[in-house]
Amino acid sequence: MPTPRKLLASPPNKPPLPAARFAVHASADGLDFSHDESFGHVGDAFVAEFGDLAPSTGKVDHPVGYRIVRVERAGGVVHAFAFNRGREDAPASKYNHGGLERPVAAKFDPSGKALYIVDFGVMLTDATGVHPAENTGVLWKITREESK
């Protein structure tokens, strides 16, 4: 195979360091930044992690993704934010209970008081490929409870 030709005579700059790092195959997808004090974590990113597609995409040491994470804008520290109780590392359908399956997008409403999550829904994987289940997608709304 021939060596690709250069498109630029010289690179414009050195690539920057990443702002945060996610687990291999977590599939960090849609994100948005908090911008309202009443929700909290102003300036931090909220990222939807779709999750791995093992075994279709190869082996993983342990399941990853299937959740929403909060990434500190200063320092890039990743924190689990919304996940399935008792099983942070798997879609809800794996344990036959309700909850997150495969989040693909996270977006705050204009007020910044609600975070909406688009969840693709159930997607089974096996050695033959990926098998999405119809009518299993969900739109989640996350708001902060007021102190009592």
C-alpha atoms as a PDB file:
ATOM      1  CA  MET A   1       0.000   0.000   0.000  1.00  0.00           C
ATOM      2  CA  PRO A   2       1.459   3.402  -0.904  1.00  0.00           C
ATOM      3  CA  THR A   3       2.301   5.948   1.784  1.00  0.00           C
ATOM      4  CA  PRO A   4      -0.426   8.605   1.998  1.00  0.00           C
ATOM      5  CA  ARG A   5       0.665  12.002   0.756  1.00  0.00           C
ATOM      6  CA  LYS A   6       0.825  14.936   3.139  1.00  0.00           C
ATOM      7  CA  LEU A   7      -2.046  17.397   2.962  1.00  0.00           C
ATOM      8  CA  LEU A   8      -0.210  20.140   4.871  1.00  0.00           C
ATOM      9  CA  ALA A   9       3.383  21.216   4.358  1.00  0.00           C
ATOM     10  CA  SER A  10       3.838  21.423   8.124  1.00  0.00           C
ATOM     11  CA  PRO A  11       1.498  20.606  11.029  1.00  0.00           C
ATOM     12  CA  PRO A  12      -0.307  23.694  12.423  1.00  0.00           C
ATOM     13  CA  ASN A  13       0.358  22.767  16.058  1.00  0.00           C
ATOM     14  CA  LYS A  14       1.073  19.923  18.431  1.00  0.00           C
ATOM     15  CA  PRO A  15      -2.153  18.038  19.331  1.00  0.00           C
ATOM     16  CA  PRO A  16      -3.453  19.057  22.761  1.00  0.00           C
ATOM     17  CA  LEU A  17      -3.649  16.656  25.696  1.00  0.00           C
ATOM     18  CA  PRO A  18      -7.109  15.162  26.320  1.00  0.00           C
ATOM     19  CA  ALA A  19      -9.380  16.968  28.780  1.00  0.00           C
ATOM     20  CA  ALA A  20     -10.543  13.607  30.232  1.00  0.00           C
ATOM     21  CA  ARG A  21     -10.081   9.906  29.618  1.00  0.00           C
ATOM     22  CA  PHE A  22     -12.822   7.285  29.452  1.00  0.00           C
ATOM     23  CA  ALA A  23     -12.636   3.507  29.735  1.00  0.00           C
ATOM     24  CA  VAL A  24     -11.895   1.592  26.538  1.00  0.00           C
ATOM     25  CA  HIS A  25     -15.190   0.777  24.753  1.00  0.00           C
ATOM     26  CA  ALA A  26     -17.255   2.995  27.115  1.00  0.00           C
ATOM     27  CA  SER A  27     -18.352   4.894  23.977  1.00  0.00           C
ATOM     28  CA  ALA A  28     -18.565   8.397  25.384  1.00  0.00           C
ATOM     29  CA  ASP A  29     -21.233  10.016  23.220  1.00  0.00           C
ATOM     30  CA  GLY A  30     -23.418  13.098  23.608  1.00  0.00           C
ATOM     31  CA  LEU A  31     -22.545  15.670  26.246  1.00  0.00           C
ATOM     32  CA  ASP A  32     -23.550  19.010  27.653  1.00  0.00           C
ATOM     33  CA  PHE A  33     -22.249  21.414  30.304  1.00  0.00           C
ATOM     34  CA  SER A  34     -24.126  22.373  33.467  1.00  0.00           C
ATOM     35  CA  HIS A  35     -24.868  26.094  33.532  1.00  0.00           C
ATOM     36  CA  ASP A  36     -27.270  26.580  36.450  1.00  0.00           C
ATOM     37  CA  GLU A  37     -26.406  26.686  40.165  1.00  0.00           C
ATOM     38  CA  SER A  38     -29.702  25.046  41.136  1.00  0.00           C
ATOM     39  CA  PHE A  39     -28.682  21.874  39.253  1.00  0.00           C
ATOM     40  CA  GLY A  40     -25.097  22.172  40.489  1.00  0.00           C
ATOM     41  CA  HIS A  41     -21.656  21.401  39.089  1.00  0.00           C
ATOM     42  CA  VAL A  42     -21.619  24.512  36.887  1.00  0.00           C
ATOM     43  CA  GLY A  43     -19.043  24.162  34.125  1.00  0.00           C
ATOM     44  CA  ASP A  44     -18.758  20.376  34.436  1.00  0.00           C
ATOM     45  CA  ALA A  45     -19.613  18.144  31.468  1.00  0.00           C
ATOM     46  CA  PHE A  46     -22.284  15.448  31.672  1.00  0.00           C
ATOM     47  CA  VAL A  47     -21.497  12.651  29.226  1.00  0.00           C
ATOM     48  CA  ALA A  48     -23.658   9.753  28.034  1.00  0.00           C
ATOM     49  CA  GLU A  49     -21.726   6.463  27.911  1.00  0.00           C
ATOM     50  CA  PHE A  50     -23.395   4.057  25.491  1.00  0.00           C
ATOM     51  CA  GLY A  51     -21.404   1.069  26.720  1.00  0.00           C
ATOM     52  CA  ASP A  52     -19.357  -1.672  25.169  1.00  0.00           C
ATOM     53  CA  LEU A  53     -20.595  -3.972  22.415  1.00  0.00           C
ATOM     54  CA  ALA A  54     -18.640  -7.046  23.498  1.00  0.00           C
ATOM     55  CA  PRO A  55     -18.238  -9.630  22.132  1.00  0.00           C
ATOM     56  CA  SER A  56     -18.957  -8.019  18.738  1.00  0.00           C
ATOM     57  CA  THR A  57     -16.206  -5.411  19.205  1.00  0.00           C
ATOM     58  CA  GLY A  58     -13.753  -7.693  21.001  1.00  0.00           C
ATOM     59  CA  LYS A  59     -13.022  -8.632  24.580  1.00  0.00           C
ATOM     60  CA  VAL A  60     -13.323  -6.293  27.535  1.00  0.00           C
ATOM     61  CA  ASP A  61     -11.887  -6.899  31.009  1.00  0.00           C
ATOM     62  CA  HIS A  62     -15.241  -5.915  32.495  1.00  0.00           C
ATOM     63  CA  PRO A  63     -18.372  -4.212  31.142  1.00  0.00           C
ATOM     64  CA  VAL A  64     -18.094  -0.420  30.820  1.00  0.00           C
ATOM     65  CA  GLY A  65     -20.485   2.424  30.086  1.00  0.00           C
ATOM     66  CA  TYR A  66     -24.300   2.230  30.370  1.00  0.00           C
ATOM     67  CA  ARG A  67     -24.368   5.401  32.472  1.00  0.00           C
ATOM     68  CA  ILE A  68     -24.031   9.156  32.680  1.00  0.00           C
ATOM     69  CA  VAL A  69     -20.776  10.540  34.036  1.00  0.00           C
ATOM     70  CA  ARG A  70     -19.841  13.994  35.270  1.00  0.00           C
ATOM     71  CA  VAL A  71     -16.454  15.267  34.149  1.00  0.00           C
ATOM     72  CA  GLU A  72     -14.852  18.030  36.188  1.00  0.00           C
ATOM     73  CA  ARG A  73     -13.899  20.787  33.798  1.00  0.00           C
ATOM     74  CA  ALA A  74     -10.854  21.585  35.931  1.00  0.00           C
ATOM     75  CA  GLY A  75      -8.752  18.433  35.965  1.00  0.00           C
ATOM     76  CA  GLY A  76     -10.888  16.054  33.901  1.00  0.00           C
ATOM     77  CA  VAL A  77     -11.794  13.757  36.808  1.00  0.00           C
ATOM     78  CA  VAL A  78     -14.666  11.446  35.783  1.00  0.00           C
ATOM     79  CA  HIS A  79     -17.421  10.669  38.325  1.00  0.00           C
ATOM     80  CA  ALA A  80     -20.336   8.250  37.933  1.00  0.00           C
ATOM     81  CA  PHE A  81     -23.482  10.393  38.005  1.00  0.00           C
ATOM     82  CA  ALA A  82     -26.516   8.346  36.893  1.00  0.00           C
ATOM     83  CA  PHE A  83     -26.320   4.560  36.765  1.00  0.00           C
ATOM     84  CA  ASN A  84     -28.264   1.444  37.641  1.00  0.00           C
ATOM     85  CA  ARG A  85     -28.476   0.824  41.368  1.00  0.00           C
ATOM     86  CA  GLY A  86     -26.436  -2.167  42.429  1.00  0.00           C
ATOM     87  CA  ARG A  87     -24.969  -2.711  38.935  1.00  0.00           C
ATOM     88  CA  GLU A  88     -23.131   0.342  37.694  1.00  0.00           C
ATOM     89  CA  ASP A  89     -21.418  -1.676  34.962  1.00  0.00           C
ATOM     90  CA  ALA A  90     -24.350  -3.134  33.035  1.00  0.00           C
ATOM     91  CA  PRO A  91     -27.559  -2.227  31.237  1.00  0.00           C
ATOM     92  CA  ALA A  92     -30.765  -2.709  33.245  1.00  0.00           C
ATOM     93  CA  SER A  93     -32.010  -5.509  30.969  1.00  0.00           C
ATOM     94  CA  LYS A  94     -29.056  -7.710  31.923  1.00  0.00           C
ATOM     95  CA  TYR A  95     -30.536  -8.039  35.414  1.00  0.00           C
ATOM     96  CA  ASN A  96     -34.199  -7.805  34.415  1.00  0.00           C
ATOM     97  CA  HIS A  97     -34.970  -4.503  36.127  1.00  0.00           C
ATOM     98  CA  GLY A  98     -35.733  -0.999  34.928  1.00  0.00           C
ATOM     99  CA  GLY A  99     -33.120   1.671  34.405  1.00  0.00           C
ATOM    100  CA  LEU A 100     -30.536   2.888  31.942  1.00  0.00           C
ATOM    101  CA  GLU A 101     -29.746   0.763  28.911  1.00  0.00           C
ATOM    102  CA  ARG A 102     -27.546   2.615  26.424  1.00  0.00           C
ATOM    103  CA  PRO A 103     -27.456   6.395  26.883  1.00  0.00           C
ATOM    104  CA  VAL A 104     -26.472   8.220  23.690  1.00  0.00           C
ATOM    105  CA  ALA A 105     -27.114  11.905  24.439  1.00  0.00           C
ATOM    106  CA  ALA A 106     -27.182  14.292  27.397  1.00  0.00           C
ATOM    107  CA  LYS A 107     -28.585  17.814  27.075  1.00  0.00           C
ATOM    108  CA  PHE A 108     -29.683  20.458  29.566  1.00  0.00           C
ATOM    109  CA  ASP A 109     -32.940  22.307  28.964  1.00  0.00           C
ATOM    110  CA  PRO A 110     -32.586  26.061  28.332  1.00  0.00           C
ATOM    111  CA  SER A 111     -33.105  26.864  32.026  1.00  0.00           C
ATOM    112  CA  GLY A 112     -30.303  24.487  33.045  1.00  0.00           C
ATOM    113  CA  LYS A 113     -32.504  22.960  35.743  1.00  0.00           C
ATOM    114  CA  ALA A 114     -33.163  19.638  33.962  1.00  0.00           C
ATOM    115  CA  LEU A 115     -30.804  17.221  32.232  1.00  0.00           C
ATOM    116  CA  TYR A 116     -32.422  15.138  29.497  1.00  0.00           C
ATOM    117  CA  ILE A 117     -30.941  11.762  28.564  1.00  0.00           C
ATOM    118  CA  VAL A 118     -31.708   9.947  25.320  1.00  0.00           C
ATOM    119  CA  ASP A 119     -31.422   6.201  25.932  1.00  0.00           C
ATOM    120  CA  PHE A 120     -31.145   4.046  22.791  1.00  0.00           C
ATOM    121  CA  GLY A 121     -32.768   1.105  24.571  1.00  0.00           C
ATOM    122  CA  VAL A 122     -32.056  -2.613  24.677  1.00  0.00           C
ATOM    123  CA  MET A 123     -29.321  -3.805  22.365  1.00  0.00           C
ATOM    124  CA  LEU A 124     -28.246  -7.404  22.682  1.00  0.00           C
ATOM    125  CA  THR A 125     -24.879  -8.539  21.369  1.00  0.00           C
ATOM    126  CA  ASP A 126     -23.492 -11.945  20.602  1.00  0.00           C
ATOM    127  CA  ALA A 127     -20.925 -13.549  18.323  1.00  0.00           C
ATOM    128  CA  THR A 128     -23.215 -12.956  15.308  1.00  0.00           C
ATOM    129  CA  GLY A 129     -23.541  -9.218  15.857  1.00  0.00           C
ATOM    130  CA  VAL A 130     -25.713  -6.516  17.391  1.00  0.00           C
ATOM    131  CA  HIS A 131     -29.479  -6.902  17.824  1.00  0.00           C
ATOM    132  CA  PRO A 132     -31.456  -3.763  18.812  1.00  0.00           C
ATOM    133  CA  ALA A 133     -34.871  -4.337  20.395  1.00  0.00           C
ATOM    134  CA  GLU A 134     -37.717  -2.233  18.980  1.00  0.00           C
ATOM    135  CA  ASN A 135     -39.670   0.199  21.166  1.00  0.00           C
ATOM    136  CA  THR A 136     -37.250   0.103  24.098  1.00  0.00           C
ATOM    137  CA  GLY A 137     -35.764   3.607  23.823  1.00  0.00           C
ATOM    138  CA  VAL A 138     -36.431   6.094  26.601  1.00  0.00           C
ATOM    139  CA  LEU A 139     -36.124   9.827  27.243  1.00  0.00           C
ATOM    140  CA  TRP A 140     -35.089  10.407  30.871  1.00  0.00           C
ATOM    141  CA  LYS A 141     -35.370  13.711  32.737  1.00  0.00           C
ATOM    142  CA  ILE A 142     -33.049  14.324  35.699  1.00  0.00           C
ATOM    143  CA  THR A 143     -33.694  17.204  38.080  1.00  0.00           C
ATOM    144  CA  ARG A 144     -32.322  18.054  41.478  1.00  0.00           C
ATOM    145  CA  GLU A 145     -34.557  17.418  44.487  1.00  0.00           C
ATOM    146  CA  GLU A 146     -35.132  20.445  46.646  1.00  0.00           C
ATOM    147  CA  SER A 147     -33.926  20.175  50.254  1.00  0.00           C
ATOM    148  CA  LYS A 148     -36.693  19.742  52.802  1.00  0.00           C
END
